Amino acid sequence: MKEKKKLQEVDLYKPIQRYFSGEGYEVYGEVKDCDIVAVKEEELVIIELKLTLSVDLLIQAAKRQRLTNQVYIAIPKPKVRMKSKQWADKCQLIKRLELGLIVVSFSGNRSTADILIHPIPYNRTKGTARNKLKREAILKEISGRSADFNVGGSNRTKIMTAYKENCIQIACLLNKMGPLSPKALKYLGAGDKIPSILTKNYYGWFDRIKRGTYILNEKGKLEMQEYQDLIKYYLEKLELRDGGDSN
């Protein structure tokens, strides 16, 4: 059985040369450290070749942007699904860097170059506007936290969210004050989501002993002890409030 030839960067050259030649460019290989240079009148196009999409390739292409705005990176067509999130994220990065992307497909003795992304200016204003809701959600989450109790980069540890903080605050108040109504909890500064938190009871910490009155159950008393920093914070906050009310 004939051994399959291992793909090399030089194998990308011919199909890309054919493509740009067909578009009326004069195409040259290896010009002043550039893998491929294509010229049409005053237009200068630079293409950098690699077998995989890597940070090194992006850096190399970004350096070529000092010479021209028309910079492409070229790679063999990846095996990853073109509609996958992983591929979409990579394409988004390429667009944000204002680079172009060429993929080269191989089938038997045939090879074809396809331009997936053209190097055009990236509209950052449009991108920010499109993600306005996500931005607002981040700011809202931060405003609901009392401090930074998470370590950046954590993905297998329990994350402290604004919602959980609110649950702990309610737990502290019930543990300290005894049975309380949502109205009383709100008066004590536990926020506007109290009815929803108590009704959904996501962590199973709260029991309703009668209509409109809740207590912290044994499960809640036990599990809230994991958050001593927050307990201390909310108890001190309550003491300051009590001191202010007494004045």
C-alpha atoms as a PDB file:
ATOM      1  CA  MET A   1       0.000   0.000   0.000  1.00  0.00           C
ATOM      2  CA  LYS A   2       1.364   3.379  -1.018  1.00  0.00           C
ATOM      3  CA  GLU A   3       2.239   5.544   1.967  1.00  0.00           C
ATOM      4  CA  LYS A   4       0.330   8.812   2.079  1.00  0.00           C
ATOM      5  CA  LYS A   5       2.580  11.814   1.509  1.00  0.00           C
ATOM      6  CA  LYS A   6       2.956  14.021   4.548  1.00  0.00           C
ATOM      7  CA  LEU A   7       1.584  17.503   3.933  1.00  0.00           C
ATOM      8  CA  GLN A   8       4.088  20.352   3.924  1.00  0.00           C
ATOM      9  CA  GLU A   9       3.747  24.126   3.845  1.00  0.00           C
ATOM     10  CA  VAL A  10       5.040  24.226   0.265  1.00  0.00           C
ATOM     11  CA  ASP A  11       1.999  22.169  -0.771  1.00  0.00           C
ATOM     12  CA  LEU A  12      -0.165  25.203  -0.014  1.00  0.00           C
ATOM     13  CA  TYR A  13       1.677  27.398  -2.496  1.00  0.00           C
ATOM     14  CA  LYS A  14       0.386  26.165  -5.868  1.00  0.00           C
ATOM     15  CA  PRO A  15      -3.373  26.357  -5.188  1.00  0.00           C
ATOM     16  CA  ILE A  16      -2.975  29.841  -3.688  1.00  0.00           C
ATOM     17  CA  GLN A  17      -0.824  30.919  -6.617  1.00  0.00           C
ATOM     18  CA  ARG A  18      -3.491  29.675  -9.048  1.00  0.00           C
ATOM     19  CA  TYR A  19      -6.231  31.515  -7.179  1.00  0.00           C
ATOM     20  CA  PHE A  20      -4.532  34.911  -7.121  1.00  0.00           C
ATOM     21  CA  SER A  21      -3.182  34.536 -10.649  1.00  0.00           C
ATOM     22  CA  GLY A  22      -6.755  33.929 -11.754  1.00  0.00           C
ATOM     23  CA  GLU A  23      -7.709  37.205 -10.064  1.00  0.00           C
ATOM     24  CA  GLY A  24      -5.121  39.094 -12.105  1.00  0.00           C
ATOM     25  CA  TYR A  25      -2.272  39.233  -9.585  1.00  0.00           C
ATOM     26  CA  GLU A  26       1.391  38.544 -10.181  1.00  0.00           C
ATOM     27  CA  VAL A  27       2.361  36.002  -7.542  1.00  0.00           C
ATOM     28  CA  TYR A  28       5.808  35.433  -6.038  1.00  0.00           C
ATOM     29  CA  GLY A  29       7.060  33.008  -3.401  1.00  0.00           C
ATOM     30  CA  GLU A  30       9.480  33.805  -0.568  1.00  0.00           C
ATOM     31  CA  VAL A  31       9.971  37.546  -0.901  1.00  0.00           C
ATOM     32  CA  LYS A  32      11.820  39.266   1.972  1.00  0.00           C
ATOM     33  CA  ASP A  33      10.683  36.655   4.541  1.00  0.00           C
ATOM     34  CA  CYS A  34       7.087  36.724   3.253  1.00  0.00           C
ATOM     35  CA  ASP A  35       5.834  33.284   2.172  1.00  0.00           C
ATOM     36  CA  ILE A  36       3.755  34.589  -0.740  1.00  0.00           C
ATOM     37  CA  VAL A  37       3.433  38.069  -2.209  1.00  0.00           C
ATOM     38  CA  ALA A  38       0.757  38.963  -4.764  1.00  0.00           C
ATOM     39  CA  VAL A  39       0.808  42.273  -6.626  1.00  0.00           C
ATOM     40  CA  LYS A  40      -1.786  43.971  -8.839  1.00  0.00           C
ATOM     41  CA  GLU A  41      -0.992  47.556  -9.830  1.00  0.00           C
ATOM     42  CA  GLU A  42      -0.415  49.331  -6.477  1.00  0.00           C
ATOM     43  CA  GLU A  43      -2.105  46.631  -4.389  1.00  0.00           C
ATOM     44  CA  LEU A  44       0.178  44.454  -2.268  1.00  0.00           C
ATOM     45  CA  VAL A  45      -1.104  41.202  -0.750  1.00  0.00           C
ATOM     46  CA  ILE A  46       0.948  39.085   1.660  1.00  0.00           C
ATOM     47  CA  ILE A  47       0.056  35.498   2.548  1.00  0.00           C
ATOM     48  CA  GLU A  48       1.688  33.548   5.362  1.00  0.00           C
ATOM     49  CA  LEU A  49       1.543  29.753   5.247  1.00  0.00           C
ATOM     50  CA  LYS A  50       1.320  27.276   8.110  1.00  0.00           C
ATOM     51  CA  LEU A  51       0.015  23.754   8.574  1.00  0.00           C
ATOM     52  CA  THR A  52      -1.972  24.748  11.667  1.00  0.00           C
ATOM     53  CA  LEU A  53      -3.616  27.891  12.960  1.00  0.00           C
ATOM     54  CA  SER A  54      -1.348  28.974  15.793  1.00  0.00           C
ATOM     55  CA  VAL A  55      -0.430  32.031  17.836  1.00  0.00           C
ATOM     56  CA  ASP A  56       2.920  32.144  16.046  1.00  0.00           C
ATOM     57  CA  LEU A  57       1.124  32.383  12.705  1.00  0.00           C
ATOM     58  CA  LEU A  58      -1.071  35.227  13.956  1.00  0.00           C
ATOM     59  CA  ILE A  59       1.972  37.089  15.286  1.00  0.00           C
ATOM     60  CA  GLN A  60       3.778  36.607  11.992  1.00  0.00           C
ATOM     61  CA  ALA A  61       0.777  37.901  10.049  1.00  0.00           C
ATOM     62  CA  ALA A  62       0.337  40.870  12.394  1.00  0.00           C
ATOM     63  CA  LYS A  63       3.931  41.891  11.698  1.00  0.00           C
ATOM     64  CA  ARG A  64       3.183  41.835   7.965  1.00  0.00           C
ATOM     65  CA  GLN A  65       0.418  44.375   8.577  1.00  0.00           C
ATOM     66  CA  ARG A  66       3.204  46.926   8.975  1.00  0.00           C
ATOM     67  CA  LEU A  67       3.736  46.523   5.227  1.00  0.00           C
ATOM     68  CA  THR A  68       0.158  46.256   3.938  1.00  0.00           C
ATOM     69  CA  ASN A  69      -3.426  45.978   5.145  1.00  0.00           C
ATOM     70  CA  GLN A  70      -3.972  43.027   2.804  1.00  0.00           C
ATOM     71  CA  VAL A  71      -2.553  40.163   4.873  1.00  0.00           C
ATOM     72  CA  TYR A  72      -3.891  36.606   4.749  1.00  0.00           C
ATOM     73  CA  ILE A  73      -3.025  33.505   6.698  1.00  0.00           C
ATOM     74  CA  ALA A  74      -3.333  30.203   4.859  1.00  0.00           C
ATOM     75  CA  ILE A  75      -3.735  26.724   6.347  1.00  0.00           C
ATOM     76  CA  PRO A  76      -4.964  23.326   5.156  1.00  0.00           C
ATOM     77  CA  LYS A  77      -8.710  22.949   5.592  1.00  0.00           C
ATOM     78  CA  PRO A  78      -9.056  21.873   9.240  1.00  0.00           C
ATOM     79  CA  LYS A  79     -10.661  18.609  10.284  1.00  0.00           C
ATOM     80  CA  VAL A  80     -12.741  20.399  12.909  1.00  0.00           C
ATOM     81  CA  ARG A  81     -16.344  21.079  11.894  1.00  0.00           C
ATOM     82  CA  MET A  82     -16.552  24.492  10.255  1.00  0.00           C
ATOM     83  CA  LYS A  83     -19.780  25.230  12.152  1.00  0.00           C
ATOM     84  CA  SER A  84     -18.331  24.355  15.557  1.00  0.00           C
ATOM     85  CA  LYS A  85     -17.975  26.976  18.284  1.00  0.00           C
ATOM     86  CA  GLN A  86     -14.234  26.336  18.412  1.00  0.00           C
ATOM     87  CA  TRP A  87     -13.849  27.217  14.741  1.00  0.00           C
ATOM     88  CA  ALA A  88     -16.222  30.185  15.000  1.00  0.00           C
ATOM     89  CA  ASP A  89     -14.176  31.598  17.894  1.00  0.00           C
ATOM     90  CA  LYS A  90     -10.967  31.310  15.878  1.00  0.00           C
ATOM     91  CA  CYS A  91     -12.577  33.048  12.909  1.00  0.00           C
ATOM     92  CA  GLN A  92     -13.804  35.808  15.202  1.00  0.00           C
ATOM     93  CA  LEU A  93     -10.246  36.359  16.425  1.00  0.00           C
ATOM     94  CA  ILE A  94      -8.930  36.509  12.860  1.00  0.00           C
ATOM     95  CA  LYS A  95     -11.574  39.093  11.948  1.00  0.00           C
ATOM     96  CA  ARG A  96     -10.771  41.131  15.041  1.00  0.00           C
ATOM     97  CA  LEU A  97      -7.102  41.145  14.039  1.00  0.00           C
ATOM     98  CA  GLU A  98      -8.233  42.350  10.590  1.00  0.00           C
ATOM     99  CA  LEU A  99      -6.515  39.447   8.860  1.00  0.00           C
ATOM    100  CA  GLY A 100      -7.742  37.312   5.994  1.00  0.00           C
ATOM    101  CA  LEU A 101      -8.069  33.523   6.065  1.00  0.00           C
ATOM    102  CA  ILE A 102      -7.455  31.074   3.236  1.00  0.00           C
ATOM    103  CA  VAL A 103      -8.046  27.337   3.573  1.00  0.00           C
ATOM    104  CA  VAL A 104      -6.596  24.855   1.116  1.00  0.00           C
ATOM    105  CA  SER A 105      -8.442  21.603   0.423  1.00  0.00           C
ATOM    106  CA  PHE A 106      -6.756  18.483  -0.914  1.00  0.00           C
ATOM    107  CA  SER A 107      -8.565  15.662  -2.692  1.00  0.00           C
ATOM    108  CA  GLY A 108      -6.406  13.127  -4.485  1.00  0.00           C
ATOM    109  CA  ASN A 109      -4.188  15.080  -6.855  1.00  0.00           C
ATOM    110  CA  ARG A 110      -6.426  18.130  -6.736  1.00  0.00           C
ATOM    111  CA  SER A 111      -5.984  21.125  -4.454  1.00  0.00           C
ATOM    112  CA  THR A 112      -8.210  24.167  -4.071  1.00  0.00           C
ATOM    113  CA  ALA A 113      -7.763  27.467  -2.232  1.00  0.00           C
ATOM    114  CA  ASP A 114     -10.826  29.172  -0.759  1.00  0.00           C
ATOM    115  CA  ILE A 115     -10.906  32.569   0.914  1.00  0.00           C
ATOM    116  CA  LEU A 116     -13.115  32.365   4.002  1.00  0.00           C
ATOM    117  CA  ILE A 117     -12.296  35.773   5.468  1.00  0.00           C
ATOM    118  CA  HIS A 118     -11.091  38.930   3.755  1.00  0.00           C
ATOM    119  CA  PRO A 119      -8.857  41.374   5.670  1.00  0.00           C
ATOM    120  CA  ILE A 120     -11.234  44.266   6.284  1.00  0.00           C
ATOM    121  CA  PRO A 121     -11.439  46.798   9.158  1.00  0.00           C
ATOM    122  CA  TYR A 122     -13.187  45.354  12.203  1.00  0.00           C
ATOM    123  CA  ASN A 123     -16.185  47.324  13.451  1.00  0.00           C
ATOM    124  CA  ARG A 124     -15.583  47.334  17.210  1.00  0.00           C
ATOM    125  CA  THR A 125     -18.536  49.626  17.869  1.00  0.00           C
ATOM    126  CA  LYS A 126     -20.902  47.187  16.184  1.00  0.00           C
ATOM    127  CA  GLY A 127     -19.397  44.281  18.115  1.00  0.00           C
ATOM    128  CA  THR A 128     -19.795  46.086  21.441  1.00  0.00           C
ATOM    129  CA  ALA A 129     -23.389  47.074  20.672  1.00  0.00           C
ATOM    130  CA  ARG A 130     -24.246  43.472  19.754  1.00  0.00           C
ATOM    131  CA  ASN A 131     -23.031  42.308  23.157  1.00  0.00           C
ATOM    132  CA  LYS A 132     -24.634  45.106  25.164  1.00  0.00           C
ATOM    133  CA  LEU A 133     -26.818  42.702  27.156  1.00  0.00           C
ATOM    134  CA  LYS A 134     -23.813  40.547  28.110  1.00  0.00           C
ATOM    135  CA  ARG A 135     -21.935  43.665  29.209  1.00  0.00           C
ATOM    136  CA  GLU A 136     -24.887  44.775  31.333  1.00  0.00           C
ATOM    137  CA  ALA A 137     -25.147  41.285  32.853  1.00  0.00           C
ATOM    138  CA  ILE A 138     -21.474  41.424  33.911  1.00  0.00           C
ATOM    139  CA  LEU A 139     -21.883  44.848  35.518  1.00  0.00           C
ATOM    140  CA  LYS A 140     -25.084  43.724  37.233  1.00  0.00           C
ATOM    141  CA  GLU A 141     -23.349  40.632  38.609  1.00  0.00           C
ATOM    142  CA  ILE A 142     -20.483  42.746  39.970  1.00  0.00           C
ATOM    143  CA  SER A 143     -22.851  45.235  41.578  1.00  0.00           C
ATOM    144  CA  GLY A 144     -24.535  42.345  43.396  1.00  0.00           C
ATOM    145  CA  ARG A 145     -21.306  41.115  44.982  1.00  0.00           C
ATOM    146  CA  SER A 146     -19.945  42.527  48.206  1.00  0.00           C
ATOM    147  CA  ALA A 147     -16.325  41.567  47.479  1.00  0.00           C
ATOM    148  CA  ASP A 148     -14.141  39.302  45.360  1.00  0.00           C
ATOM    149  CA  PHE A 149     -14.425  35.767  46.740  1.00  0.00           C
ATOM    150  CA  ASN A 150     -13.427  33.940  43.555  1.00  0.00           C
ATOM    151  CA  VAL A 151     -10.019  33.156  42.089  1.00  0.00           C
ATOM    152  CA  GLY A 152      -9.713  34.041  38.408  1.00  0.00           C
ATOM    153  CA  GLY A 153      -9.213  30.988  36.193  1.00  0.00           C
ATOM    154  CA  SER A 154     -11.106  28.616  38.486  1.00  0.00           C
ATOM    155  CA  ASN A 155     -13.305  26.143  36.648  1.00  0.00           C
ATOM    156  CA  ARG A 156     -13.597  23.184  39.011  1.00  0.00           C
ATOM    157  CA  THR A 157     -14.285  25.029  42.223  1.00  0.00           C
ATOM    158  CA  LYS A 158     -17.471  26.527  43.613  1.00  0.00           C
ATOM    159  CA  ILE A 159     -17.987  30.008  42.204  1.00  0.00           C
ATOM    160  CA  MET A 160     -19.469  32.733  44.376  1.00  0.00           C
ATOM    161  CA  THR A 161     -22.205  34.530  42.450  1.00  0.00           C
ATOM    162  CA  ALA A 162     -24.310  37.545  43.349  1.00  0.00           C
ATOM    163  CA  TYR A 163     -27.306  35.203  43.689  1.00  0.00           C
ATOM    164  CA  LYS A 164     -25.498  32.954  46.149  1.00  0.00           C
ATOM    165  CA  GLU A 165     -24.279  35.949  48.133  1.00  0.00           C
ATOM    166  CA  ASN A 166     -27.869  37.100  48.420  1.00  0.00           C
ATOM    167  CA  CYS A 167     -28.884  33.653  49.697  1.00  0.00           C
ATOM    168  CA  ILE A 168     -26.098  33.759  52.289  1.00  0.00           C
ATOM    169  CA  GLN A 169     -27.170  37.239  53.371  1.00  0.00           C
ATOM    170  CA  ILE A 170     -30.746  36.035  53.899  1.00  0.00           C
ATOM    171  CA  ALA A 171     -29.426  32.979  55.752  1.00  0.00           C
ATOM    172  CA  CYS A 172     -27.362  35.216  58.053  1.00  0.00           C
ATOM    173  CA  LEU A 173     -30.364  37.383  58.854  1.00  0.00           C
ATOM    174  CA  LEU A 174     -32.633  34.417  59.570  1.00  0.00           C
ATOM    175  CA  ASN A 175     -29.955  32.755  61.680  1.00  0.00           C
ATOM    176  CA  LYS A 176     -29.397  35.932  63.672  1.00  0.00           C
ATOM    177  CA  MET A 177     -32.953  37.253  63.945  1.00  0.00           C
ATOM    178  CA  GLY A 178     -35.066  34.107  63.821  1.00  0.00           C
ATOM    179  CA  PRO A 179     -38.256  33.756  61.716  1.00  0.00           C
ATOM    180  CA  LEU A 180     -38.777  36.685  59.344  1.00  0.00           C
ATOM    181  CA  SER A 181     -41.067  37.736  56.524  1.00  0.00           C
ATOM    182  CA  PRO A 182     -39.823  38.835  53.092  1.00  0.00           C
ATOM    183  CA  LYS A 183     -40.877  42.362  54.005  1.00  0.00           C
ATOM    184  CA  ALA A 184     -38.765  42.309  57.163  1.00  0.00           C
ATOM    185  CA  LEU A 185     -35.802  40.875  55.267  1.00  0.00           C
ATOM    186  CA  LYS A 186     -36.078  43.643  52.701  1.00  0.00           C
ATOM    187  CA  TYR A 187     -36.159  46.232  55.480  1.00  0.00           C
ATOM    188  CA  LEU A 188     -32.933  44.714  56.794  1.00  0.00           C
ATOM    189  CA  GLY A 189     -31.288  45.265  53.414  1.00  0.00           C
ATOM    190  CA  ALA A 190     -31.494  41.831  51.789  1.00  0.00           C
ATOM    191  CA  GLY A 191     -32.562  43.216  48.410  1.00  0.00           C
ATOM    192  CA  ASP A 192     -35.497  42.895  46.046  1.00  0.00           C
ATOM    193  CA  LYS A 193     -35.167  39.229  45.065  1.00  0.00           C
ATOM    194  CA  ILE A 194     -36.112  37.857  48.478  1.00  0.00           C
ATOM    195  CA  PRO A 195     -39.545  36.407  47.522  1.00  0.00           C
ATOM    196  CA  SER A 196     -38.062  34.622  44.507  1.00  0.00           C
ATOM    197  CA  ILE A 197     -35.089  33.266  46.481  1.00  0.00           C
ATOM    198  CA  LEU A 198     -37.262  31.983  49.320  1.00  0.00           C
ATOM    199  CA  THR A 199     -39.848  30.444  47.003  1.00  0.00           C
ATOM    200  CA  LYS A 200     -37.380  28.707  44.689  1.00  0.00           C
ATOM    201  CA  ASN A 201     -35.154  27.748  47.637  1.00  0.00           C
ATOM    202  CA  TYR A 202     -32.419  26.635  45.239  1.00  0.00           C
ATOM    203  CA  TYR A 203     -30.002  25.483  47.955  1.00  0.00           C
ATOM    204  CA  GLY A 204     -32.712  24.036  50.202  1.00  0.00           C
ATOM    205  CA  TRP A 205     -31.765  26.272  53.134  1.00  0.00           C
ATOM    206  CA  PHE A 206     -35.122  27.854  53.944  1.00  0.00           C
ATOM    207  CA  ASP A 207     -38.368  26.520  55.402  1.00  0.00           C
ATOM    208  CA  ARG A 208     -41.713  28.299  55.478  1.00  0.00           C
ATOM    209  CA  ILE A 209     -43.230  27.812  58.919  1.00  0.00           C
ATOM    210  CA  LYS A 210     -46.393  29.726  58.114  1.00  0.00           C
ATOM    211  CA  ARG A 211     -47.689  32.001  55.409  1.00  0.00           C
ATOM    212  CA  GLY A 212     -45.154  34.752  54.751  1.00  0.00           C
ATOM    213  CA  THR A 213     -42.696  33.625  57.436  1.00  0.00           C
ATOM    214  CA  TYR A 214     -39.434  31.752  56.906  1.00  0.00           C
ATOM    215  CA  ILE A 215     -36.646  30.219  58.965  1.00  0.00           C
ATOM    216  CA  LEU A 216     -33.171  28.901  58.243  1.00  0.00           C
ATOM    217  CA  ASN A 217     -33.243  25.104  58.460  1.00  0.00           C
ATOM    218  CA  GLU A 218     -30.491  22.797  59.736  1.00  0.00           C
ATOM    219  CA  LYS A 219     -29.110  22.208  56.237  1.00  0.00           C
ATOM    220  CA  GLY A 220     -28.769  25.946  55.749  1.00  0.00           C
ATOM    221  CA  LYS A 221     -27.117  26.446  59.148  1.00  0.00           C
ATOM    222  CA  LEU A 222     -24.580  23.752  58.349  1.00  0.00           C
ATOM    223  CA  GLU A 223     -23.741  24.776  54.786  1.00  0.00           C
ATOM    224  CA  MET A 224     -23.538  28.508  55.435  1.00  0.00           C
ATOM    225  CA  GLN A 225     -20.584  27.860  57.741  1.00  0.00           C
ATOM    226  CA  GLU A 226     -18.445  27.387  54.624  1.00  0.00           C
ATOM    227  CA  TYR A 227     -18.679  31.132  54.024  1.00  0.00           C
ATOM    228  CA  GLN A 228     -17.232  32.650  57.171  1.00  0.00           C
ATOM    229  CA  ASP A 229     -15.940  35.780  55.424  1.00  0.00           C
ATOM    230  CA  LEU A 230     -19.398  36.586  54.112  1.00  0.00           C
ATOM    231  CA  ILE A 231     -21.071  35.753  57.420  1.00  0.00           C
ATOM    232  CA  LYS A 232     -18.724  38.171  59.172  1.00  0.00           C
ATOM    233  CA  TYR A 233     -19.357  40.822  56.518  1.00  0.00           C
ATOM    234  CA  TYR A 234     -23.155  40.627  56.753  1.00  0.00           C
ATOM    235  CA  LEU A 235     -23.221  40.481  60.554  1.00  0.00           C
ATOM    236  CA  GLU A 236     -21.025  43.581  60.739  1.00  0.00           C
ATOM    237  CA  LYS A 237     -23.285  45.254  58.199  1.00  0.00           C
ATOM    238  CA  LEU A 238     -26.303  44.385  60.359  1.00  0.00           C
ATOM    239  CA  GLU A 239     -24.633  45.776  63.481  1.00  0.00           C
ATOM    240  CA  LEU A 240     -23.858  49.028  61.685  1.00  0.00           C
ATOM    241  CA  ARG A 241     -27.471  49.225  60.558  1.00  0.00           C
ATOM    242  CA  ASP A 242     -28.746  48.571  64.063  1.00  0.00           C
ATOM    243  CA  GLY A 243     -26.405  51.238  65.380  1.00  0.00           C
ATOM    244  CA  GLY A 244     -27.678  53.694  62.801  1.00  0.00           C
ATOM    245  CA  ASP A 245     -31.318  52.882  63.587  1.00  0.00           C
ATOM    246  CA  SER A 246     -30.742  53.402  67.305  1.00  0.00           C
ATOM    247  CA  ASN A 247     -29.478  56.901  66.583  1.00  0.00           C
END
